[in-house]
Amino acid sequence: MAVVDGESISMPVAVAACVAMALFYVLILYAPTVILRLPTASSFFDFLIRRFICAAISTVVSLVFTAFILPIKSRETSFILGVYGIRTDHVWQGVVYPLLLTSLIYAGSLVSKLLLLLESWRENGGGCSLFNDINSFVQTTPAWVLAAASNVSVWRNFVVAPVTEELVFRACMIPLLLCAGFRIYSAIFLCPVLFSLAHLNHFRELYIKHNRSYLKASLIVGLQLGYTVVFGSYASFLFIRTGHITAPLFAHIFCNYMGLPELHARGKGLVSAAFLVGVVGFVLLLFPLTEPLMYNDRTNDCPCWLGYCMWN
């Protein structure tokens, strides 16, 4: 496990560094046309490939920059990666438990999907069609996987965006803030605020490219920002408690796939009941399923991941 020396950086420097990384993550997306003067992308595929490259550059720069200014006591690769939560130990715990916890918020959505599946099953003949449905699913899965793998939007939503955002806004920013002396819950609040800045460019796209009204664009982006702040707080909590980048990463991918939780479905009270039960379960299991000792061999009696409390 990577541990940082008793030295620290100042709070203004940490905040300035985090703001700079957030702005750089957004502004570099416009570098191809604004700075490099490249022609506008001829297709949606080319447009996203450019953005993938820009996001990758921004992420690498942020990782190197953070490693440079953090008082890490060893410059060995394993130590630096450990600070970022990039680890090979306790991987399955870092994936499974946070996914189980996150899925509780989507209990209503999952029940709704199950009810739709059962309705479709009954309409198609019940048990007689079950074998045919399973057989059809098995046969079409390879084609579906290949189609998804070649879909640039799938790569954006489930690979590039989650990986780059978690590395920049969790792996880089949280160590900086905690090393500067910010309390854990202050870092949990600050990171998602900066995380929301990375989504402000959506306003420009809605207002200019999609010709939405100023009010409508503001309402849509406002809702998105509210959601990113809530999710960003949760992702930051997962990273601090587990010390594993896989925890917020796979939660991020799952949330991108599920979208907003379904609270209610007309004529289906079971969906609302499932949502409420899921929320109660989430609250009750939030701390037990993120117990640091489940993700680390030792924590030195720290209330969070080994090393973070030492910075305070």
Protein backbone atom coordinates (compact mmCIF):
# COMPACT_ATOMS: atom_id res chain seq x y z
CA MET A 1 0.00 0.00 0.00
CA ALA A 2 1.32 3.42 -0.92
CA VAL A 3 1.68 5.78 2.02
CA VAL A 4 2.59 9.44 1.92
CA ASP A 5 5.06 11.20 4.16
CA GLY A 6 3.96 13.45 7.00
CA GLU A 7 4.61 16.41 4.71
CA SER A 8 1.64 18.07 3.10
CA ILE A 9 0.74 20.65 0.51
CA SER A 10 -1.18 23.83 1.23
CA MET A 11 -4.95 23.97 0.84
CA PRO A 12 -4.87 26.79 -1.77
CA VAL A 13 -2.38 24.82 -3.88
CA ALA A 14 -4.50 21.66 -3.67
CA VAL A 15 -7.71 23.49 -4.62
CA ALA A 16 -5.98 25.37 -7.44
CA ALA A 17 -4.55 22.13 -8.79
CA CYS A 18 -7.95 20.44 -8.69
CA VAL A 19 -9.67 23.36 -10.43
CA ALA A 20 -6.91 23.43 -13.06
CA MET A 21 -7.33 19.71 -13.76
CA ALA A 22 -11.12 20.04 -14.01
CA LEU A 23 -10.88 22.94 -16.44
CA PHE A 24 -8.15 21.24 -18.45
CA TYR A 25 -10.31 18.12 -18.74
CA VAL A 26 -13.08 20.19 -20.35
CA LEU A 27 -11.12 22.76 -22.37
CA ILE A 28 -8.84 20.24 -24.08
CA LEU A 29 -11.92 18.74 -25.74
CA TYR A 30 -12.03 21.83 -27.94
CA ALA A 31 -8.30 21.85 -28.69
CA PRO A 32 -8.52 20.12 -32.10
CA THR A 33 -10.65 22.89 -33.65
CA VAL A 34 -9.76 25.92 -31.50
CA ILE A 35 -5.98 25.45 -31.00
CA LEU A 36 -4.89 23.01 -33.71
CA ARG A 37 -7.28 24.57 -36.24
CA LEU A 38 -8.33 21.18 -37.54
CA PRO A 39 -11.48 21.07 -39.68
CA THR A 40 -14.71 20.06 -38.01
CA ALA A 41 -15.03 16.29 -37.67
CA SER A 42 -16.77 14.84 -40.71
CA SER A 43 -18.67 12.20 -38.74
CA PHE A 44 -19.85 11.41 -35.23
CA PHE A 45 -17.29 8.61 -35.09
CA ASP A 46 -14.40 10.97 -35.89
CA PHE A 47 -15.78 13.53 -33.44
CA LEU A 48 -15.76 11.05 -30.55
CA ILE A 49 -12.36 9.61 -31.47
CA ARG A 50 -10.92 13.12 -31.18
CA ARG A 51 -12.54 13.49 -27.78
CA PHE A 52 -11.23 10.12 -26.65
CA ILE A 53 -7.69 11.21 -27.51
CA CYS A 54 -8.13 14.55 -25.73
CA ALA A 55 -9.58 12.89 -22.61
CA ALA A 56 -6.69 10.41 -22.56
CA ILE A 57 -4.11 13.20 -22.83
CA SER A 58 -5.83 15.15 -20.06
CA THR A 59 -5.88 12.09 -17.81
CA VAL A 60 -2.22 11.26 -18.32
CA VAL A 61 -1.20 14.88 -17.71
CA SER A 62 -3.29 14.98 -14.50
CA LEU A 63 -1.77 11.74 -13.21
CA VAL A 64 1.78 12.93 -13.84
CA PHE A 65 1.04 16.39 -12.43
CA THR A 66 -0.49 14.94 -9.25
CA ALA A 67 2.43 12.55 -8.73
CA PHE A 68 4.81 15.49 -9.11
CA ILE A 69 3.24 17.75 -6.47
CA LEU A 70 2.18 15.10 -3.93
CA PRO A 71 4.81 14.43 -1.21
CA ILE A 72 5.02 10.73 -2.01
CA LYS A 73 7.85 9.13 -0.05
CA SER A 74 8.75 6.73 -2.85
CA ARG A 75 8.76 7.28 -6.59
CA GLU A 76 8.41 3.59 -7.32
CA THR A 77 5.58 2.83 -9.71
CA SER A 78 3.77 0.58 -7.25
CA PHE A 79 3.72 3.32 -4.61
CA ILE A 80 2.40 5.93 -7.01
CA LEU A 81 -0.25 3.60 -8.42
CA GLY A 82 -1.28 2.76 -4.86
CA VAL A 83 -1.95 6.43 -4.14
CA TYR A 84 -4.27 6.44 -7.15
CA GLY A 85 -6.04 3.32 -5.92
CA ILE A 86 -4.80 1.32 -8.91
CA ARG A 87 -4.18 -2.01 -7.24
CA THR A 88 -4.12 -5.72 -8.04
CA ASP A 89 -5.16 -6.89 -4.56
CA HIS A 90 -8.77 -7.18 -3.36
CA VAL A 91 -10.01 -6.59 -6.91
CA TRP A 92 -13.13 -8.74 -6.70
CA GLN A 93 -14.16 -7.03 -3.46
CA GLY A 94 -13.64 -3.64 -5.13
CA VAL A 95 -15.98 -4.68 -7.94
CA VAL A 96 -18.66 -6.88 -6.36
CA TYR A 97 -19.53 -5.13 -3.09
CA PRO A 98 -19.84 -1.58 -4.52
CA LEU A 99 -21.93 -2.95 -7.41
CA LEU A 100 -24.26 -4.73 -4.98
CA LEU A 101 -24.57 -1.54 -2.95
CA THR A 102 -25.20 0.64 -6.01
CA SER A 103 -27.80 -1.78 -7.41
CA LEU A 104 -29.97 -1.21 -4.32
CA ILE A 105 -30.66 2.35 -5.51
CA TYR A 106 -31.90 0.82 -8.76
CA ALA A 107 -34.15 -1.78 -7.12
CA GLY A 108 -37.22 -0.09 -8.62
CA SER A 109 -35.68 -0.02 -12.09
CA LEU A 110 -34.61 -3.66 -11.86
CA VAL A 111 -38.06 -4.78 -10.71
CA SER A 112 -39.64 -2.75 -13.52
CA LYS A 113 -37.43 -4.51 -16.08
CA LEU A 114 -38.28 -7.87 -14.54
CA LEU A 115 -42.02 -7.14 -14.74
CA LEU A 116 -41.70 -6.17 -18.41
CA LEU A 117 -39.81 -9.39 -19.07
CA LEU A 118 -42.51 -11.46 -17.35
CA GLU A 119 -45.26 -9.69 -19.31
CA SER A 120 -43.46 -10.41 -22.57
CA TRP A 121 -42.98 -14.02 -21.50
CA ARG A 122 -46.70 -14.47 -20.78
CA GLU A 123 -47.72 -12.82 -24.05
CA ASN A 124 -45.49 -15.21 -25.97
CA GLY A 125 -46.97 -18.34 -24.49
CA GLY A 126 -45.44 -18.65 -21.04
CA GLY A 127 -43.35 -21.71 -20.37
CA CYS A 128 -43.60 -22.96 -23.98
CA SER A 129 -41.58 -19.99 -25.23
CA LEU A 130 -39.02 -19.94 -22.42
CA PHE A 131 -36.69 -22.37 -24.16
CA ASN A 132 -37.02 -20.46 -27.43
CA ASP A 133 -36.25 -17.17 -25.66
CA ILE A 134 -33.15 -18.62 -24.01
CA ASN A 135 -32.01 -20.18 -27.27
CA SER A 136 -32.57 -16.91 -29.14
CA PHE A 137 -30.65 -14.99 -26.48
CA VAL A 138 -27.69 -17.37 -26.68
CA GLN A 139 -27.61 -17.15 -30.46
CA THR A 140 -27.86 -13.36 -30.65
CA THR A 141 -25.44 -12.58 -27.82
CA PRO A 142 -22.23 -12.86 -29.90
CA ALA A 143 -23.63 -10.53 -32.55
CA TRP A 144 -24.79 -8.11 -29.85
CA VAL A 145 -21.35 -8.11 -28.22
CA LEU A 146 -19.63 -7.44 -31.55
CA ALA A 147 -22.06 -4.63 -32.34
CA ALA A 148 -21.50 -3.06 -28.93
CA ALA A 149 -17.72 -3.36 -29.26
CA SER A 150 -17.82 -1.47 -32.56
CA ASN A 151 -20.23 1.19 -31.27
CA VAL A 152 -18.31 4.36 -30.45
CA SER A 153 -21.08 5.56 -28.11
CA VAL A 154 -20.70 2.39 -26.04
CA TRP A 155 -16.99 3.07 -25.69
CA ARG A 156 -17.73 6.65 -24.62
CA ASN A 157 -20.39 5.79 -22.02
CA PHE A 158 -18.91 2.63 -20.53
CA VAL A 159 -15.15 2.88 -21.03
CA VAL A 160 -13.59 6.23 -21.86
CA ALA A 161 -15.80 8.55 -19.78
CA PRO A 162 -15.85 6.40 -16.59
CA VAL A 163 -12.13 5.56 -16.70
CA THR A 164 -10.86 9.08 -17.41
CA GLU A 165 -13.30 10.80 -15.05
CA GLU A 166 -12.59 8.47 -12.14
CA LEU A 167 -8.84 8.77 -12.61
CA VAL A 168 -8.93 12.58 -12.75
CA PHE A 169 -11.73 13.44 -10.34
CA ARG A 170 -11.21 10.69 -7.78
CA ALA A 171 -7.71 9.19 -8.08
CA CYS A 172 -5.96 12.55 -8.58
CA MET A 173 -8.10 15.06 -6.70
CA ILE A 174 -8.93 13.19 -3.51
CA PRO A 175 -5.30 12.49 -2.55
CA LEU A 176 -4.48 16.16 -3.19
CA LEU A 177 -7.32 17.44 -1.02
CA LEU A 178 -6.72 15.02 1.83
CA CYS A 179 -2.97 15.55 1.74
CA ALA A 180 -3.65 19.29 2.04
CA GLY A 181 -5.52 18.70 5.30
CA PHE A 182 -9.14 18.80 4.13
CA ARG A 183 -11.42 16.63 6.22
CA ILE A 184 -12.83 13.52 4.58
CA TYR A 185 -16.35 14.89 4.18
CA SER A 186 -15.03 18.18 2.83
CA ALA A 187 -13.20 16.26 0.11
CA ILE A 188 -16.32 14.21 -0.59
CA PHE A 189 -18.21 17.48 -1.17
CA LEU A 190 -15.52 19.37 -3.11
CA CYS A 191 -14.69 16.66 -5.65
CA PRO A 192 -18.21 16.34 -7.08
CA VAL A 193 -18.50 20.11 -7.37
CA LEU A 194 -15.38 20.05 -9.53
CA PHE A 195 -16.70 16.92 -11.24
CA SER A 196 -19.81 18.85 -12.27
CA LEU A 197 -17.58 21.43 -14.01
CA ALA A 198 -16.61 18.71 -16.48
CA HIS A 199 -20.23 18.59 -17.62
CA LEU A 200 -20.75 22.33 -18.16
CA ASN A 201 -19.77 21.93 -21.79
CA HIS A 202 -23.11 20.16 -22.28
CA PHE A 203 -24.81 23.56 -21.97
CA ARG A 204 -22.87 24.89 -24.95
CA GLU A 205 -23.75 21.82 -27.00
CA LEU A 206 -27.44 21.99 -26.10
CA TYR A 207 -27.75 25.74 -26.59
CA ILE A 208 -25.68 26.14 -29.76
CA LYS A 209 -25.53 22.80 -31.56
CA HIS A 210 -28.99 21.47 -30.69
CA ASN A 211 -30.67 24.89 -30.83
CA ARG A 212 -32.40 24.56 -27.46
CA SER A 213 -33.69 27.65 -25.71
CA TYR A 214 -31.55 29.21 -22.99
CA LEU A 215 -34.09 28.22 -20.32
CA LYS A 216 -34.49 24.64 -21.54
CA ALA A 217 -30.74 24.15 -21.88
CA SER A 218 -30.26 25.56 -18.37
CA LEU A 219 -32.89 23.22 -16.90
CA ILE A 220 -31.42 20.14 -18.60
CA VAL A 221 -27.85 20.98 -17.59
CA GLY A 222 -29.01 21.92 -14.08
CA LEU A 223 -30.56 18.47 -13.67
CA GLN A 224 -27.40 16.85 -15.01
CA LEU A 225 -25.22 18.85 -12.64
CA GLY A 226 -27.39 17.92 -9.68
CA TYR A 227 -27.11 14.26 -10.60
CA THR A 228 -23.33 14.47 -11.10
CA VAL A 229 -22.88 16.13 -7.70
CA VAL A 230 -24.88 13.37 -5.98
CA PHE A 231 -23.10 10.59 -7.85
CA GLY A 232 -19.72 12.31 -7.47
CA SER A 233 -20.18 12.43 -3.70
CA TYR A 234 -21.01 8.73 -3.64
CA ALA A 235 -18.07 7.84 -5.89
CA SER A 236 -15.71 9.89 -3.71
CA PHE A 237 -17.06 8.13 -0.62
CA LEU A 238 -16.42 4.74 -2.24
CA PHE A 239 -12.86 5.67 -3.18
CA ILE A 240 -11.98 7.01 0.26
CA ARG A 241 -13.51 4.08 2.12
CA THR A 242 -12.09 1.34 -0.10
CA GLY A 243 -8.88 2.86 -1.47
CA HIS A 244 -9.68 1.00 -4.69
CA ILE A 245 -10.31 2.79 -7.98
CA THR A 246 -12.40 -0.18 -9.14
CA ALA A 247 -15.10 0.68 -6.58
CA PRO A 248 -16.18 4.06 -8.05
CA LEU A 249 -15.25 2.95 -11.58
CA PHE A 250 -17.66 0.02 -11.79
CA ALA A 251 -20.34 1.95 -9.91
CA HIS A 252 -19.92 4.69 -12.55
CA ILE A 253 -20.27 2.22 -15.43
CA PHE A 254 -23.35 0.65 -13.84
CA CYS A 255 -25.02 4.04 -13.30
CA ASN A 256 -24.29 5.07 -16.88
CA TYR A 257 -25.98 1.88 -18.05
CA MET A 258 -29.03 2.22 -15.79
CA GLY A 259 -29.57 5.98 -16.09
CA LEU A 260 -31.75 7.69 -13.48
CA PRO A 261 -33.38 5.37 -10.91
CA GLU A 262 -37.03 4.55 -11.58
CA LEU A 263 -39.11 5.76 -8.64
CA HIS A 264 -42.59 4.94 -9.89
CA ALA A 265 -44.35 3.14 -12.73
CA ARG A 266 -48.04 3.70 -13.48
CA GLY A 267 -50.12 0.78 -12.28
CA LYS A 268 -47.09 -0.94 -10.79
CA GLY A 269 -46.91 -0.19 -7.08
CA LEU A 270 -44.36 -2.95 -6.74
CA VAL A 271 -41.80 -0.71 -8.47
CA SER A 272 -42.26 2.06 -5.89
CA ALA A 273 -42.13 -0.45 -3.04
CA ALA A 274 -38.93 -1.96 -4.45
CA PHE A 275 -37.37 1.48 -4.75
CA LEU A 276 -38.16 2.33 -1.12
CA VAL A 277 -36.86 -1.03 0.11
CA GLY A 278 -33.73 -0.51 -1.97
CA VAL A 279 -33.11 2.93 -0.51
CA VAL A 280 -33.51 1.61 3.04
CA GLY A 281 -31.15 -1.25 2.25
CA PHE A 282 -28.64 1.17 0.71
CA VAL A 283 -28.62 3.36 3.82
CA LEU A 284 -28.29 0.40 6.16
CA LEU A 285 -25.49 -1.25 4.16
CA LEU A 286 -23.59 1.87 3.07
CA PHE A 287 -20.95 1.61 5.78
CA PRO A 288 -20.91 -2.20 6.32
CA LEU A 289 -20.30 -2.88 2.60
CA THR A 290 -17.55 -0.26 2.43
CA GLU A 291 -15.72 -1.34 5.57
CA PRO A 292 -12.03 -0.57 4.81
CA LEU A 293 -10.82 -3.91 6.20
CA MET A 294 -12.82 -5.67 3.47
CA TYR A 295 -10.60 -4.03 0.85
CA ASN A 296 -7.27 -3.78 2.68
CA ASP A 297 -5.15 -6.20 4.70
CA ARG A 298 -4.64 -3.56 7.40
CA THR A 299 -5.84 -0.04 8.09
CA ASN A 300 -3.88 0.98 11.21
CA ASP A 301 -7.19 1.81 12.94
CA CYS A 302 -7.95 4.50 10.33
CA PRO A 303 -11.63 5.28 9.64
CA CYS A 304 -10.79 5.30 5.92
CA TRP A 305 -8.26 3.81 3.53
CA LEU A 306 -4.76 3.36 4.97
CA GLY A 307 -2.66 6.47 4.39
CA TYR A 308 -5.38 9.07 4.03
CA CYS A 309 -5.85 9.63 7.75
CA MET A 310 -2.11 9.96 8.15
CA TRP A 311 -2.17 13.02 5.93
CA ASN A 312 -4.37 14.77 8.51
